[in-house]
Amino acid sequence: MMIQKKDRFENRSGKVYEIAGKWDRDFILAPIEEADNECLIYTPGEMEEFLETGYFKRVGGGK
C-alpha cells in the first residue's frame, strides 16, 4: 500500500491523523484536531502492521 503526504487515517478510538511528511523513512502523523498538537512517528513496518490489524484505517480527505 502506498502512503503519501496528506493521506488520512483513523485509529480505533476515532481520532484522525494526516500524514504530515517523513522523517528519514518514518511517517509523521499529525492530528487533524486543532486542539491536539501531539504528532506520531511510525516506521513503514509499523504502519503496515497497524493497517493489517485494523488499528488504523484509511479515511477520506487528503489529496
Protein backbone atom coordinates (compact mmCIF):
# COMPACT_ATOMS: atom_id res chain seq x y z
CA MET A 1 0.00 0.00 0.00
CA MET A 2 1.32 3.39 -0.97
CA ILE A 3 1.20 6.03 1.77
CA GLN A 4 1.69 9.64 0.79
CA LYS A 5 1.58 13.09 2.34
CA LYS A 6 -1.98 14.23 3.14
CA ASP A 7 -3.35 10.66 3.39
CA ARG A 8 -5.65 10.35 6.41
CA PHE A 9 -6.03 7.50 8.86
CA GLU A 10 -8.44 6.92 11.74
CA ASN A 11 -7.45 4.87 14.77
CA ARG A 12 -9.75 2.60 16.77
CA SER A 13 -10.58 5.50 19.13
CA GLY A 14 -11.93 7.54 16.22
CA LYS A 15 -9.03 10.01 16.21
CA VAL A 16 -8.00 11.07 12.69
CA TYR A 17 -4.39 11.75 11.68
CA GLU A 18 -2.92 13.06 8.45
CA ILE A 19 0.47 12.16 7.02
CA ALA A 20 2.40 15.41 7.50
CA GLY A 21 5.57 14.08 5.90
CA LYS A 22 8.51 11.83 6.63
CA TRP A 23 11.47 11.87 8.97
CA ASP A 24 14.09 9.82 7.15
CA ARG A 25 11.93 6.77 6.23
CA ASP A 26 9.45 7.10 9.12
CA PHE A 27 5.96 8.55 8.71
CA ILE A 28 4.89 11.59 10.73
CA LEU A 29 1.18 11.66 11.52
CA ALA A 30 -0.35 14.93 12.66
CA PRO A 31 -3.78 15.04 14.31
CA ILE A 32 -6.41 16.96 12.38
CA GLU A 33 -7.95 18.29 15.61
CA GLU A 34 -6.54 21.78 16.18
CA ALA A 35 -6.58 21.34 19.97
CA ASP A 36 -4.32 18.27 19.72
CA ASN A 37 -0.68 19.06 18.98
CA GLU A 38 0.90 15.66 19.61
CA CYS A 39 2.27 14.08 16.42
CA LEU A 40 3.05 10.39 15.99
CA ILE A 41 6.06 8.84 14.24
CA TYR A 42 5.92 5.27 12.90
CA THR A 43 8.20 3.16 10.75
CA PRO A 44 6.87 1.80 7.45
CA GLY A 45 6.67 -1.65 9.06
CA GLU A 46 4.63 -0.36 11.97
CA MET A 47 2.20 1.43 9.64
CA GLU A 48 1.79 -1.73 7.57
CA GLU A 49 1.07 -3.76 10.72
CA PHE A 50 -1.41 -1.16 12.03
CA LEU A 51 -3.30 -1.21 8.73
CA GLU A 52 -3.32 -5.03 8.58
CA THR A 53 -4.61 -5.37 12.14
CA GLY A 54 -7.20 -2.62 11.77
CA TYR A 55 -5.63 -0.30 14.35
CA PHE A 56 -5.63 2.35 11.60
CA LYS A 57 -7.98 2.55 8.63
CA ARG A 58 -7.69 4.90 5.68
CA VAL A 59 -10.37 7.60 5.61
CA GLY A 60 -11.43 10.30 3.14
CA GLY A 61 -9.63 13.57 2.78
CA GLY A 62 -6.14 14.26 1.66
CA LYS A 63 -5.15 14.61 -1.97
